[in-house]
Protein backbone atom coordinates (compact mmCIF):
# COMPACT_ATOMS: atom_id res chain seq x y z
CA MET A 1 -24.41 71.69 23.68
CA GLY A 2 -27.33 72.51 21.41
CA LEU A 3 -29.85 70.15 19.85
CA PHE A 4 -28.03 70.25 16.52
CA ASP A 5 -24.73 69.30 18.15
CA ARG A 6 -26.31 66.29 19.90
CA PHE A 7 -27.89 65.20 16.62
CA LYS A 8 -24.60 65.61 14.85
CA ASN A 9 -22.82 63.40 17.36
CA GLN A 10 -25.28 60.60 16.62
CA LEU A 11 -24.28 60.52 12.96
CA ILE A 12 -21.59 58.10 11.88
CA ASP A 13 -18.87 59.55 9.72
CA ILE A 14 -16.25 56.73 9.93
CA ILE A 15 -17.07 53.06 9.42
CA GLU A 16 -14.26 50.59 10.14
CA TRP A 17 -13.37 47.39 12.04
CA GLU A 18 -10.10 46.63 13.75
CA ASP A 19 -9.95 42.87 14.27
CA GLN A 20 -8.41 42.01 17.64
CA THR A 21 -9.13 38.28 17.40
CA HIS A 22 -7.75 35.34 15.46
CA ASP A 23 -10.95 33.47 14.64
CA THR A 24 -13.69 36.04 13.91
CA MET A 25 -15.06 35.54 10.41
CA VAL A 26 -17.91 38.08 10.36
CA TYR A 27 -18.43 41.24 12.45
CA LYS A 28 -21.52 43.45 12.34
CA PHE A 29 -20.59 47.11 12.63
CA ASP A 30 -21.90 48.35 15.95
CA ARG A 31 -23.70 51.65 15.43
CA GLU A 32 -26.39 51.54 18.17
CA ASP A 33 -29.11 52.87 15.86
CA ASN A 34 -26.90 55.76 14.77
CA GLU A 35 -27.48 56.87 11.22
CA ILE A 36 -24.76 56.95 8.61
CA LYS A 37 -23.77 60.46 7.67
CA THR A 38 -23.89 61.57 4.09
CA GLY A 39 -20.36 61.39 2.68
CA ALA A 40 -19.16 59.15 5.54
CA LYS A 41 -15.76 57.52 5.21
CA LEU A 42 -15.57 53.72 4.92
CA ILE A 43 -12.24 52.05 5.73
CA VAL A 44 -11.83 48.43 4.62
CA ARG A 45 -8.52 46.96 5.69
CA GLU A 46 -6.53 44.25 3.95
CA SER A 47 -8.12 40.79 4.23
CA GLN A 48 -11.54 42.40 4.78
CA SER A 49 -14.73 42.97 2.81
CA ALA A 50 -17.60 45.25 3.82
CA VAL A 51 -21.17 44.33 2.88
CA PHE A 52 -24.08 46.79 3.12
CA VAL A 53 -27.51 45.32 3.88
CA ASP A 54 -30.86 47.14 3.72
CA LYS A 55 -33.85 45.51 5.41
CA GLY A 56 -32.43 42.00 4.88
CA GLN A 57 -31.42 42.58 1.27
CA PHE A 58 -27.75 42.50 0.30
CA ALA A 59 -26.53 45.64 -1.39
CA ASP A 60 -23.01 46.78 -2.18
CA VAL A 61 -19.74 44.98 -1.36
CA PHE A 62 -16.48 46.87 -0.81
CA THR A 63 -13.01 45.41 -1.11
CA PRO A 64 -9.93 46.77 0.78
CA GLY A 65 -9.57 50.53 0.45
CA THR A 66 -10.86 53.88 1.76
CA TYR A 67 -14.14 55.20 0.36
CA THR A 68 -16.30 58.32 0.67
CA LEU A 69 -19.84 56.98 0.48
CA THR A 70 -21.92 58.53 -2.29
CA THR A 71 -24.55 57.36 -4.74
CA ASP A 72 -21.72 56.64 -7.18
CA ASN A 73 -20.21 53.86 -5.06
CA LEU A 74 -23.53 52.71 -3.54
CA PRO A 75 -25.53 51.97 -6.70
CA ILE A 76 -27.42 48.95 -5.35
CA LEU A 77 -28.23 50.59 -2.01
CA SER A 78 -29.32 53.76 -3.84
CA ASN A 79 -31.73 51.73 -5.94
CA LEU A 80 -33.13 49.87 -2.89
CA MET A 81 -33.72 53.14 -1.03
CA GLY A 82 -35.15 54.95 -4.03
CA TRP A 83 -32.43 57.57 -4.38
CA LYS A 84 -33.14 58.44 -7.95
CA TYR A 85 -31.55 61.85 -7.81
CA GLY A 86 -28.89 61.35 -5.16
CA PHE A 87 -29.18 61.94 -1.43
CA ASP A 88 -27.94 64.51 1.06
CA SER A 89 -29.48 63.30 4.32
CA PRO A 90 -28.47 60.62 6.87
CA TYR A 91 -29.57 57.05 6.21
CA LYS A 92 -29.65 53.70 8.00
CA ALA A 93 -28.03 50.48 6.72
CA GLU A 94 -26.45 47.43 8.30
CA VAL A 95 -22.74 46.98 7.62
CA TYR A 96 -21.05 43.57 7.94
CA PHE A 97 -17.29 43.16 7.80
CA CYS A 98 -16.15 39.75 6.48
CA ASN A 99 -12.66 38.57 7.37
CA THR A 100 -11.19 37.17 4.15
CA LYS A 101 -7.84 36.14 5.61
CA ARG A 102 -6.67 32.53 5.71
CA PHE A 103 -7.87 30.63 8.81
CA THR A 104 -5.27 27.92 9.47
CA ASP A 105 -4.70 24.93 11.76
CA MET A 106 -8.29 23.76 11.68
CA GLY A 107 -8.27 20.09 12.61
CA TRP A 108 -10.35 17.21 11.34
CA GLY A 109 -10.52 13.53 12.28
CA THR A 110 -12.69 10.46 11.90
CA PRO A 111 -14.76 9.91 15.07
CA ASN A 112 -15.47 6.34 13.96
CA PRO A 113 -13.35 3.94 11.88
CA ILE A 114 -13.76 3.98 8.11
CA ILE A 115 -13.99 0.62 6.33
CA MET A 116 -11.85 0.37 3.23
CA ARG A 117 -11.41 -2.58 0.89
CA ASP A 118 -7.85 -3.68 0.21
CA ALA A 119 -6.85 -6.17 -2.48
CA GLU A 120 -4.38 -7.96 -0.19
CA PHE A 121 -5.99 -7.74 3.26
CA GLY A 122 -9.69 -7.47 2.41
CA ALA A 123 -11.96 -5.19 4.46
CA ILE A 124 -9.90 -3.07 6.89
CA ARG A 125 -11.01 -0.46 9.45
CA VAL A 126 -8.86 2.69 9.48
CA ARG A 127 -8.85 6.02 11.28
CA ALA A 128 -7.44 9.28 9.93
CA PHE A 129 -6.81 12.85 11.00
CA GLY A 130 -5.22 16.00 9.65
CA ASN A 131 -5.73 19.76 9.30
CA TYR A 132 -6.91 22.28 6.75
CA ALA A 133 -7.30 26.01 6.12
CA ILE A 134 -10.22 28.08 4.79
CA ARG A 135 -11.11 31.62 3.83
CA ILE A 136 -14.24 33.45 2.77
CA LYS A 137 -14.39 33.51 -1.02
CA ASP A 138 -17.83 35.09 -1.58
CA PRO A 139 -18.98 37.30 1.32
CA LYS A 140 -22.58 37.56 0.08
CA VAL A 141 -22.99 33.80 -0.22
CA PHE A 142 -21.34 33.19 3.15
CA LEU A 143 -23.59 35.72 4.89
CA SER A 144 -26.77 34.41 3.30
CA GLU A 145 -25.99 30.69 3.78
CA ILE A 146 -24.08 30.60 7.07
CA ALA A 147 -23.57 33.74 9.12
CA SER A 148 -27.02 35.27 8.49
CA THR A 149 -27.66 38.22 10.84
CA HIS A 150 -25.30 37.18 13.62
CA GLU A 151 -23.50 40.17 15.08
CA GLU A 152 -20.31 38.10 15.31
CA PHE A 153 -19.46 34.77 13.73
CA SER A 154 -16.27 32.73 14.40
CA THR A 155 -14.66 29.57 13.06
CA GLU A 156 -15.93 27.67 16.10
CA ASP A 157 -19.50 28.22 14.91
CA ILE A 158 -18.90 26.37 11.66
CA GLU A 159 -16.20 23.78 12.44
CA ASP A 160 -18.62 20.91 13.12
CA GLN A 161 -20.39 21.41 9.79
CA LEU A 162 -17.14 21.63 7.85
CA ARG A 163 -15.78 18.56 9.62
CA SER A 164 -18.83 16.57 8.47
CA PHE A 165 -18.17 17.63 4.87
CA ILE A 166 -14.53 16.60 5.13
CA ILE A 167 -15.14 13.18 6.68
CA SER A 168 -17.80 12.35 4.09
CA GLY A 169 -15.57 13.48 1.23
CA PHE A 170 -12.50 11.74 2.65
CA SER A 171 -14.36 8.42 2.93
CA ASP A 172 -15.42 8.63 -0.71
CA ALA A 173 -11.97 9.71 -1.85
CA LEU A 174 -10.25 6.89 0.05
CA ALA A 175 -12.51 4.33 -1.63
CA GLU A 176 -12.10 5.83 -5.10
CA ALA A 177 -8.33 6.28 -4.87
CA ARG A 178 -7.84 2.49 -4.46
CA ILE A 179 -4.43 2.94 -2.87
CA PRO A 180 -3.08 -0.33 -1.38
CA LEU A 181 -2.98 -0.38 2.39
CA LEU A 182 0.79 -0.79 2.58
CA ASP A 183 1.29 2.19 0.22
CA LEU A 184 -0.92 4.69 2.08
CA ALA A 185 1.92 6.16 4.13
CA ALA A 186 3.79 7.04 0.94
CA LYS A 187 0.70 8.53 -0.73
CA TYR A 188 -0.45 11.12 1.83
CA ASP A 189 0.31 14.04 -0.51
CA GLU A 190 -1.51 12.47 -3.46
CA LEU A 191 -4.46 11.53 -1.26
CA SER A 192 -4.60 15.06 0.19
CA ASP A 193 -4.76 16.59 -3.30
CA PHE A 194 -7.43 14.11 -4.36
CA CYS A 195 -9.55 14.90 -1.29
CA ASN A 196 -9.09 18.64 -1.79
CA LYS A 197 -10.53 18.47 -5.30
CA LYS A 198 -13.42 16.30 -4.16
CA ILE A 199 -14.42 18.33 -1.09
CA THR A 200 -13.82 21.87 -2.34
CA THR A 201 -17.12 21.99 -4.29
CA LYS A 202 -19.13 21.67 -1.07
CA PHE A 203 -17.19 24.55 0.47
CA HIS A 204 -17.91 26.76 -2.55
CA GLN A 205 -21.63 26.29 -1.94
CA TYR A 206 -21.19 28.19 1.33
CA GLY A 207 -18.99 30.93 -0.06
CA LEU A 208 -15.81 29.35 1.33
CA GLU A 209 -12.55 28.21 -0.22
CA LEU A 210 -10.79 25.09 1.07
CA LEU A 211 -7.03 25.53 1.34
CA ASP A 212 -4.12 23.30 2.33
CA PHE A 213 -6.09 20.14 3.09
CA VAL A 214 -3.59 17.73 4.69
CA VAL A 215 -3.83 14.06 5.69
CA GLU A 216 -1.43 13.69 8.60
CA ASN A 217 -1.96 10.07 9.57
CA ILE A 218 -4.00 6.98 8.71
CA SER A 219 -3.85 4.35 11.46
CA LEU A 220 -4.90 0.69 11.64
CA PRO A 221 -6.45 -1.27 14.51
CA GLU A 222 -3.90 -2.57 17.00
CA GLU A 223 -4.53 -6.23 16.15
CA VAL A 224 -3.94 -5.56 12.44
CA GLU A 225 -0.67 -3.79 13.20
CA GLU A 226 0.45 -6.83 15.23
CA MET A 227 -0.26 -9.12 12.28
CA LEU A 228 1.70 -6.83 9.97
CA ASP A 229 4.63 -6.93 12.41
CA LYS A 230 4.58 -10.75 12.32
CA LYS A 231 4.41 -10.72 8.54
CA SER A 232 7.43 -8.41 8.46
CA SER A 233 9.32 -10.78 10.77
CA MET A 234 8.61 -13.69 8.45
CA ASN A 235 9.77 -11.67 5.45
CA ILE A 236 13.04 -10.92 7.24
CA LEU A 237 13.51 -14.65 7.91
CA GLY A 238 12.87 -15.40 4.25
CA ASN A 239 9.56 -17.23 4.93
CA ASN A 240 11.50 -20.09 6.59
CA MET A 241 8.88 -21.68 8.83
CA ASN A 242 11.44 -23.67 10.84
CA GLN A 243 13.35 -20.54 11.78
CA PHE A 244 10.10 -18.68 12.48
CA ASN A 245 8.85 -21.49 14.75
CA GLN A 246 12.17 -21.60 16.57
CA MET A 247 12.03 -17.85 17.10
CA GLN A 248 8.45 -18.06 18.39
CA ALA A 249 9.35 -20.98 20.68
CA GLY A 250 12.31 -19.06 22.06
CA ILE A 251 10.13 -16.02 22.79
CA ALA A 252 7.48 -18.20 24.42
CA LEU A 253 10.07 -19.93 26.61
CA GLU A 254 11.56 -16.61 27.63
CA ASN A 255 8.14 -15.29 28.58
CA ALA A 256 7.34 -18.48 30.47
CA SER A 257 10.57 -18.33 32.46
CA GLU A 258 9.73 -14.77 33.50
CA THR A 259 6.20 -15.66 34.59
CA GLU A 260 5.82 -15.53 38.36
CA GLY A 261 5.21 -18.93 39.97
CA GLY A 262 6.60 -21.00 37.05
CA SER A 263 7.36 -24.63 37.94
CA GLY A 264 10.88 -25.95 38.19
CA MET A 265 10.15 -28.47 35.44
CA SER A 266 9.13 -25.73 32.97
CA GLU A 267 12.22 -23.73 33.87
CA GLY A 268 14.45 -26.76 33.38
CA MET A 269 12.74 -27.59 30.13
CA GLY A 270 13.16 -23.99 28.96
CA MET A 271 16.86 -24.09 29.79
CA GLY A 272 17.34 -27.43 28.09
CA MET A 273 15.48 -26.38 24.96
CA GLY A 274 17.22 -23.02 24.96
CA PHE A 275 20.66 -24.71 25.19
CA GLY A 276 19.60 -27.06 22.42
CA MET A 277 18.52 -24.21 20.18
CA ALA A 278 21.76 -22.37 20.86
CA SER A 279 23.73 -25.52 20.08
CA ASN A 280 21.76 -26.04 16.89
CA MET A 281 22.38 -22.45 15.77
CA ALA A 282 26.09 -22.77 16.55
CA ASN A 283 26.25 -26.03 14.60
CA ASN A 284 24.56 -24.40 11.61
CA MET A 285 27.03 -21.51 11.70
CA PHE A 286 29.95 -23.95 11.91
CA GLN A 287 28.65 -25.89 8.92
CA GLN A 288 28.22 -22.68 6.92
CA ASN A 289 31.81 -21.69 7.71
CA GLN A 290 33.00 -25.13 6.64
CA GLN A 291 31.16 -24.75 3.36
CA GLN A 292 32.86 -21.43 2.73
CA GLN A 293 36.37 -22.88 3.29
CA PRO A 294 37.33 -25.23 0.44
CA VAL A 295 39.93 -27.92 1.22
CA GLY A 296 42.54 -28.87 -1.33
CA GLY A 297 40.98 -26.62 -3.93
CA GLN A 298 37.72 -28.58 -3.88
CA THR A 299 34.35 -27.50 -2.51
CA PRO A 300 32.84 -30.13 -0.22
CA PRO A 301 29.26 -31.19 -0.86
CA PRO A 302 26.55 -29.61 1.32
CA PRO A 303 25.83 -31.44 4.59
CA PRO A 304 22.81 -33.70 4.69
CA PRO A 305 19.60 -32.03 5.97
CA GLN A 306 18.92 -32.41 9.69
CA THR A 307 16.05 -34.54 10.85
CA MET A 308 13.54 -32.43 12.79
CA PHE A 309 10.95 -33.87 15.20
CA HIS A 310 7.79 -32.42 16.69
CA VAL A 311 7.16 -33.42 20.31
CA ILE A 312 4.08 -33.55 22.56
CA VAL A 313 5.06 -31.76 25.79
CA ASN A 314 2.51 -31.40 28.58
CA GLY A 315 -0.29 -32.14 26.14
CA ALA A 316 0.81 -29.48 23.63
CA GLN A 317 2.76 -29.73 20.40
CA ALA A 318 6.25 -28.21 20.41
CA GLY A 319 9.10 -28.05 17.98
CA PRO A 320 10.44 -28.91 15.54
CA PHE A 321 13.66 -29.90 17.34
CA ALA A 322 16.94 -31.32 16.05
CA LEU A 323 18.52 -34.45 17.54
CA GLN A 324 20.92 -32.36 19.63
CA GLN A 325 17.98 -30.53 21.19
CA LEU A 326 16.18 -33.79 21.87
CA GLN A 327 19.32 -35.20 23.52
CA SER A 328 19.32 -32.23 25.92
CA MET A 329 15.66 -32.89 26.67
CA VAL A 330 16.43 -36.54 27.44
CA ALA A 331 19.18 -35.44 29.83
CA GLN A 332 16.64 -33.24 31.61
CA ASN A 333 14.17 -36.15 31.75
CA GLN A 334 11.78 -34.13 29.61
CA LEU A 335 11.78 -36.63 26.74
CA THR A 336 11.15 -40.33 27.48
CA ARG A 337 10.53 -43.43 25.43
CA GLU A 338 6.78 -42.95 25.88
CA THR A 339 6.79 -39.34 24.59
CA MET A 340 4.84 -39.03 21.34
CA VAL A 341 6.88 -37.66 18.42
CA TRP A 342 6.41 -37.02 14.72
CA LYS A 343 8.57 -36.01 11.76
CA ASP A 344 7.94 -35.30 8.12
CA GLY A 345 7.14 -38.57 6.33
CA MET A 346 5.74 -40.43 9.36
CA PRO A 347 2.09 -41.51 8.92
CA GLN A 348 1.17 -40.76 12.55
CA TRP A 349 2.48 -39.84 16.00
CA THR A 350 4.68 -42.57 17.53
CA GLN A 351 6.37 -43.16 20.86
CA ALA A 352 9.96 -41.94 20.81
CA GLY A 353 11.28 -45.36 21.90
CA ASN A 354 9.84 -46.90 18.72
CA VAL A 355 11.62 -44.50 16.38
CA SER A 356 14.98 -45.80 15.20
CA GLU A 357 16.64 -42.36 15.05
CA LEU A 358 15.63 -41.63 18.65
CA SER A 359 16.05 -45.01 20.33
CA GLN A 360 19.80 -44.47 20.56
CA LEU A 361 19.20 -41.40 22.71
CA PHE A 362 17.81 -43.54 25.54
CA GLY A 363 20.65 -46.13 25.65
CA SER A 364 20.18 -49.88 25.97
CA THR A 365 17.56 -51.29 28.33
CA PRO A 366 18.62 -54.42 30.27
CA PRO A 367 16.35 -57.49 30.05
CA PRO A 368 14.11 -58.28 33.03
CA PRO A 369 15.83 -60.20 35.89
CA PRO A 370 15.44 -64.01 35.96
CA PRO A 371 12.80 -65.50 38.27
CA PRO A 372 14.04 -66.46 41.77
CA MET A 373 15.35 -70.03 42.23
CA PRO A 374 13.00 -72.41 44.08
């Protein structure tokens, strides 16, 4: 092989990039100091752009297609190199291929809770996550602002920066949207669109386009979710505090009976109170059925309201309980004359034996025996 043949082999006559990856955004054409041949062929595939750079200055940009490089399609590079009258010799220039396809499934999330102000619940800490897609909109801007002279640049190299933009924009958008906390789950699409419009400007500054920004989930602290569950339970019960207290007492008794090492007295008390509650519920259902069945064509009047008492048990307040429940507690020796009780309308706590409605539960007490005869 002669000297001319070796020199000829060093000239580049085809410039192209076949992307074998899924995340490469910029690829510098590897020429190993080979010069570009006059009239070389440039192949730019779909979802690609080719940018020519001379000594750090951006020159011509080529969109998808096949080109034979001449001064006609390299006007900027011709001017930078001083080709006033055309050229017919090899030349050197850096060629960067930019991948303009859509990069999808890029995740974002809030590393720390975001504080939002809600009209109903006040200041609430929330976390959020989702995904988004991007693509290179302006190759020159992206190369100058982000990729620079890197020989290869991937989505991993820019994800942290983009995630910071998104979290900052999402926090502002969440505050400006003023969506009530309980309505957030139904407003994910609207919130995603709002965030997209707010964040996209920052992406444009780096030659990128933000696509398909999605809010997948906004979660609350565990303790707040527990309070919302209790509020939902009360709404189901119609805000009836008596029923809610009875439900809570039943749950507490069930948990206490399952606790290892529970005393026999607490188990007996739980059974007695549980039977009383069941009896009370059955009585209420019976009364409702009686109300729904008119006799002789007439509707009977509603039954009188039951008297409910709160009781001090083992130093703690319990109840309210109906008379049937209290009778079961007396039978279990869990309610005595000395037990302190209170009902609506009483000025203060009083011993059960001094309350007229409860004294009958304890039966009559015989008088003290007479003194012995001398």
